[in-house]
């Protein structure tokens, strides 16, 4: 659920990019877009990773990844992680 909230925040945050309080500079957004363009939506499989996962899900919203793809790839990665963790328990 937290990943979905991040996606929605990213999806709507660009409306405020010209406000003084906006947390990201234009060059930071451009760098994130280049990185995401390079690795694509498939990197969302790694959204389970601490710290990196939150950034990935926020960037996916900013980059307008289709919500269906977002949910499928994020759920696959997180599901695989929890399956592996459960197999050790």
N, C-alpha and C. Protein backbone atom coordinates (compact mmCIF):
# COMPACT_ATOMS: atom_id res chain seq x y z
N UNK A 1 0.81 -1.19 0.00
CA UNK A 1 0.00 0.00 0.00
C UNK A 1 0.87 1.27 0.00
N UNK A 2 1.98 1.21 0.72
CA UNK A 2 2.87 2.37 0.74
C UNK A 2 3.44 2.70 -0.63
N UNK A 3 3.71 1.68 -1.42
CA UNK A 3 4.22 1.90 -2.77
C UNK A 3 3.18 2.60 -3.64
N UNK A 4 1.93 2.23 -3.48
CA UNK A 4 0.85 2.85 -4.25
C UNK A 4 0.71 4.32 -3.86
N UNK A 5 0.83 4.62 -2.58
CA UNK A 5 0.78 6.01 -2.12
C UNK A 5 1.93 6.79 -2.75
N UNK A 6 3.12 6.21 -2.77
CA UNK A 6 4.26 6.87 -3.39
C UNK A 6 4.02 7.13 -4.87
N UNK A 7 3.42 6.16 -5.57
CA UNK A 7 3.15 6.33 -6.99
C UNK A 7 2.19 7.51 -7.21
N UNK A 8 1.13 7.56 -6.41
CA UNK A 8 0.17 8.67 -6.54
C UNK A 8 0.82 10.01 -6.21
N UNK A 9 1.65 10.05 -5.18
CA UNK A 9 2.37 11.29 -4.85
C UNK A 9 3.24 11.72 -6.02
N UNK A 10 3.99 10.78 -6.59
CA UNK A 10 4.82 11.10 -7.73
C UNK A 10 4.02 11.53 -8.94
N UNK A 11 2.87 10.90 -9.12
CA UNK A 11 2.03 11.19 -10.28
C UNK A 11 1.50 12.63 -10.24
N UNK A 12 1.23 13.13 -9.06
CA UNK A 12 0.63 14.46 -8.94
C UNK A 12 1.60 15.54 -8.47
N UNK A 13 2.80 15.19 -8.09
CA UNK A 13 3.72 16.17 -7.51
C UNK A 13 4.22 17.19 -8.55
N UNK A 14 4.26 16.83 -9.81
CA UNK A 14 4.78 17.75 -10.82
C UNK A 14 3.89 18.97 -11.03
N UNK A 15 2.66 18.92 -10.57
CA UNK A 15 1.79 20.10 -10.65
C UNK A 15 2.39 21.26 -9.87
N UNK A 16 3.21 20.94 -8.91
CA UNK A 16 3.75 21.96 -8.01
C UNK A 16 5.23 22.27 -8.26
N UNK A 17 5.77 21.84 -9.38
CA UNK A 17 7.22 21.98 -9.59
C UNK A 17 7.69 23.43 -9.71
N UNK A 18 6.81 24.36 -9.95
CA UNK A 18 7.23 25.76 -10.08
C UNK A 18 7.02 26.55 -8.79
N UNK A 19 6.62 25.85 -7.75
CA UNK A 19 6.45 26.51 -6.45
C UNK A 19 7.81 26.57 -5.74
N UNK A 20 7.98 27.54 -4.91
CA UNK A 20 9.25 27.73 -4.22
C UNK A 20 9.56 26.58 -3.27
N UNK A 21 8.56 26.00 -2.66
CA UNK A 21 8.76 24.94 -1.66
C UNK A 21 8.95 23.57 -2.28
N UNK A 22 8.86 23.45 -3.60
CA UNK A 22 8.97 22.15 -4.27
C UNK A 22 10.30 21.49 -3.91
N UNK A 23 10.28 20.21 -3.47
CA UNK A 23 11.48 19.60 -2.90
C UNK A 23 12.56 19.19 -3.90
N UNK A 24 12.25 19.13 -5.20
CA UNK A 24 13.23 18.67 -6.19
C UNK A 24 13.59 19.79 -7.15
N UNK A 25 14.87 19.87 -7.46
CA UNK A 25 15.33 20.84 -8.45
C UNK A 25 15.14 20.24 -9.85
N UNK A 26 15.11 21.09 -10.85
CA UNK A 26 14.88 20.63 -12.21
C UNK A 26 15.96 19.64 -12.67
N UNK A 27 17.21 19.88 -12.28
CA UNK A 27 18.29 18.96 -12.68
C UNK A 27 18.15 17.60 -12.00
N UNK A 28 17.61 17.58 -10.78
CA UNK A 28 17.38 16.30 -10.10
C UNK A 28 16.28 15.51 -10.81
N UNK A 29 15.24 16.19 -11.23
CA UNK A 29 14.17 15.51 -11.98
C UNK A 29 14.69 14.98 -13.31
N UNK A 30 15.52 15.77 -13.99
CA UNK A 30 16.08 15.34 -15.28
C UNK A 30 16.98 14.13 -15.09
N UNK A 31 17.77 14.12 -14.03
CA UNK A 31 18.66 12.98 -13.76
C UNK A 31 17.84 11.73 -13.44
N UNK A 32 16.79 11.88 -12.66
CA UNK A 32 15.93 10.75 -12.34
C UNK A 32 15.25 10.21 -13.60
N UNK A 33 14.84 11.12 -14.49
CA UNK A 33 14.19 10.68 -15.72
C UNK A 33 15.17 9.94 -16.62
N UNK A 34 16.40 10.43 -16.73
CA UNK A 34 17.42 9.72 -17.54
C UNK A 34 17.68 8.33 -16.96
N UNK A 35 17.80 8.25 -15.64
CA UNK A 35 18.06 6.97 -14.99
C UNK A 35 16.90 6.01 -15.24
N UNK A 36 15.68 6.52 -15.09
CA UNK A 36 14.51 5.67 -15.27
C UNK A 36 14.35 5.28 -16.74
N UNK A 37 14.66 6.18 -17.66
CA UNK A 37 14.61 5.85 -19.09
C UNK A 37 15.62 4.76 -19.43
N UNK A 38 16.76 4.81 -18.77
CA UNK A 38 17.82 3.81 -19.04
C UNK A 38 17.41 2.42 -18.57
N UNK A 39 16.85 2.33 -17.37
CA UNK A 39 16.53 1.03 -16.79
C UNK A 39 15.07 0.63 -17.00
N UNK A 40 14.22 1.58 -17.25
CA UNK A 40 12.83 1.29 -17.56
C UNK A 40 12.00 0.84 -16.37
N UNK A 41 10.76 0.54 -16.69
CA UNK A 41 9.81 0.15 -15.65
C UNK A 41 10.16 -1.17 -14.99
N UNK A 42 11.03 -1.96 -15.63
CA UNK A 42 11.39 -3.27 -15.09
C UNK A 42 12.16 -3.16 -13.78
N UNK A 43 12.75 -2.01 -13.52
CA UNK A 43 13.46 -1.84 -12.25
C UNK A 43 12.51 -1.84 -11.06
N UNK A 44 11.21 -1.72 -11.32
CA UNK A 44 10.23 -1.76 -10.23
C UNK A 44 10.18 -3.11 -9.53
N UNK A 45 10.75 -4.13 -10.15
CA UNK A 45 10.85 -5.44 -9.51
C UNK A 45 11.70 -5.33 -8.24
N UNK A 46 12.56 -4.32 -8.19
CA UNK A 46 13.43 -4.11 -7.03
C UNK A 46 12.86 -3.11 -6.03
N UNK A 47 11.57 -2.84 -6.12
CA UNK A 47 10.93 -1.89 -5.21
C UNK A 47 10.89 -2.39 -3.77
N UNK A 48 11.23 -3.64 -3.54
CA UNK A 48 11.24 -4.19 -2.19
C UNK A 48 12.48 -3.77 -1.41
N UNK A 49 13.47 -3.24 -2.08
CA UNK A 49 14.73 -2.89 -1.42
C UNK A 49 14.55 -1.68 -0.49
N UNK A 50 15.15 -1.73 0.69
CA UNK A 50 15.05 -0.59 1.60
C UNK A 50 15.63 0.68 0.97
N UNK A 51 15.03 1.80 1.24
CA UNK A 51 15.40 3.14 0.77
C UNK A 51 15.26 3.28 -0.75
N UNK A 52 15.87 2.40 -1.51
CA UNK A 52 15.83 2.47 -2.97
C UNK A 52 14.40 2.26 -3.46
N UNK A 53 13.68 1.37 -2.83
CA UNK A 53 12.32 1.04 -3.26
C UNK A 53 11.38 2.23 -3.19
N UNK A 54 11.47 3.01 -2.13
CA UNK A 54 10.62 4.20 -2.01
C UNK A 54 10.91 5.19 -3.11
N UNK A 55 12.17 5.40 -3.41
CA UNK A 55 12.54 6.31 -4.49
C UNK A 55 12.04 5.79 -5.83
N UNK A 56 12.18 4.49 -6.06
CA UNK A 56 11.72 3.91 -7.33
C UNK A 56 10.22 4.11 -7.53
N UNK A 57 9.46 3.88 -6.48
CA UNK A 57 8.01 3.99 -6.62
C UNK A 57 7.57 5.44 -6.82
N UNK A 58 8.26 6.37 -6.18
CA UNK A 58 7.96 7.79 -6.38
C UNK A 58 8.32 8.21 -7.80
N UNK A 59 9.49 7.81 -8.26
CA UNK A 59 9.93 8.15 -9.62
C UNK A 59 9.00 7.52 -10.65
N UNK A 60 8.52 6.31 -10.39
CA UNK A 60 7.59 5.67 -11.33
C UNK A 60 6.33 6.52 -11.49
N UNK A 61 5.86 7.12 -10.42
CA UNK A 61 4.71 8.01 -10.52
C UNK A 61 5.03 9.26 -11.30
N UNK A 62 6.20 9.83 -11.03
CA UNK A 62 6.62 11.03 -11.75
C UNK A 62 6.76 10.74 -13.25
N UNK A 63 7.29 9.58 -13.58
CA UNK A 63 7.52 9.22 -14.98
C UNK A 63 6.28 8.64 -15.66
N UNK A 64 5.18 8.66 -14.93
CA UNK A 64 3.88 8.24 -15.48
C UNK A 64 3.85 6.79 -15.96
N UNK A 65 4.48 5.91 -15.21
CA UNK A 65 4.38 4.47 -15.50
C UNK A 65 2.92 4.09 -15.34
N UNK A 66 2.39 3.33 -16.27
CA UNK A 66 0.99 2.92 -16.17
C UNK A 66 0.76 2.19 -14.85
N UNK A 67 -0.35 2.53 -14.20
CA UNK A 67 -0.62 2.00 -12.87
C UNK A 67 -0.68 0.47 -12.86
N UNK A 68 -1.24 -0.12 -13.90
CA UNK A 68 -1.34 -1.59 -13.95
C UNK A 68 0.06 -2.20 -13.97
N UNK A 69 0.95 -1.67 -14.81
CA UNK A 69 2.32 -2.18 -14.85
C UNK A 69 3.02 -1.97 -13.52
N UNK A 70 2.79 -0.81 -12.93
CA UNK A 70 3.38 -0.51 -11.64
C UNK A 70 2.99 -1.55 -10.60
N UNK A 71 1.71 -1.83 -10.50
CA UNK A 71 1.22 -2.78 -9.49
C UNK A 71 1.76 -4.18 -9.77
N UNK A 72 1.73 -4.61 -11.02
CA UNK A 72 2.18 -5.96 -11.37
C UNK A 72 3.67 -6.13 -11.05
N UNK A 73 4.50 -5.21 -11.49
CA UNK A 73 5.95 -5.35 -11.28
C UNK A 73 6.34 -5.21 -9.81
N UNK A 74 5.72 -4.27 -9.12
CA UNK A 74 6.02 -4.09 -7.70
C UNK A 74 5.55 -5.29 -6.89
N UNK A 75 4.35 -5.76 -7.17
CA UNK A 75 3.82 -6.92 -6.44
C UNK A 75 4.65 -8.17 -6.72
N UNK A 76 5.12 -8.33 -7.95
CA UNK A 76 5.96 -9.48 -8.28
C UNK A 76 7.25 -9.45 -7.47
N UNK A 77 7.93 -8.31 -7.47
CA UNK A 77 9.18 -8.20 -6.72
C UNK A 77 9.01 -8.40 -5.24
N UNK A 78 8.00 -7.76 -4.66
CA UNK A 78 7.76 -7.89 -3.23
C UNK A 78 7.28 -9.29 -2.87
N UNK A 79 6.44 -9.86 -3.73
CA UNK A 79 5.96 -11.23 -3.49
C UNK A 79 7.10 -12.23 -3.52
N UNK A 80 8.01 -12.07 -4.47
CA UNK A 80 9.17 -12.96 -4.57
C UNK A 80 10.05 -12.83 -3.33
N UNK A 81 10.24 -11.62 -2.88
CA UNK A 81 11.04 -11.41 -1.67
C UNK A 81 10.43 -12.12 -0.48
N UNK A 82 9.13 -11.93 -0.27
CA UNK A 82 8.49 -12.53 0.89
C UNK A 82 8.40 -14.04 0.76
N UNK A 83 8.33 -14.56 -0.44
CA UNK A 83 8.37 -16.00 -0.65
C UNK A 83 9.72 -16.57 -0.24
N UNK A 84 10.79 -15.88 -0.61
CA UNK A 84 12.14 -16.31 -0.23
C UNK A 84 12.33 -16.22 1.29
N UNK A 85 11.87 -15.13 1.88
CA UNK A 85 11.98 -14.97 3.33
C UNK A 85 11.20 -16.07 4.04
N UNK A 86 10.01 -16.37 3.57
CA UNK A 86 9.18 -17.39 4.19
C UNK A 86 9.81 -18.79 4.06
N UNK A 87 10.54 -19.00 2.97
CA UNK A 87 11.16 -20.31 2.79
C UNK A 87 12.30 -20.57 3.80
N UNK A 88 12.88 -19.49 4.34
CA UNK A 88 13.94 -19.64 5.33
C UNK A 88 13.38 -19.81 6.75
N UNK A 89 12.13 -19.49 6.93
CA UNK A 89 11.52 -19.55 8.26
C UNK A 89 10.99 -20.91 8.51
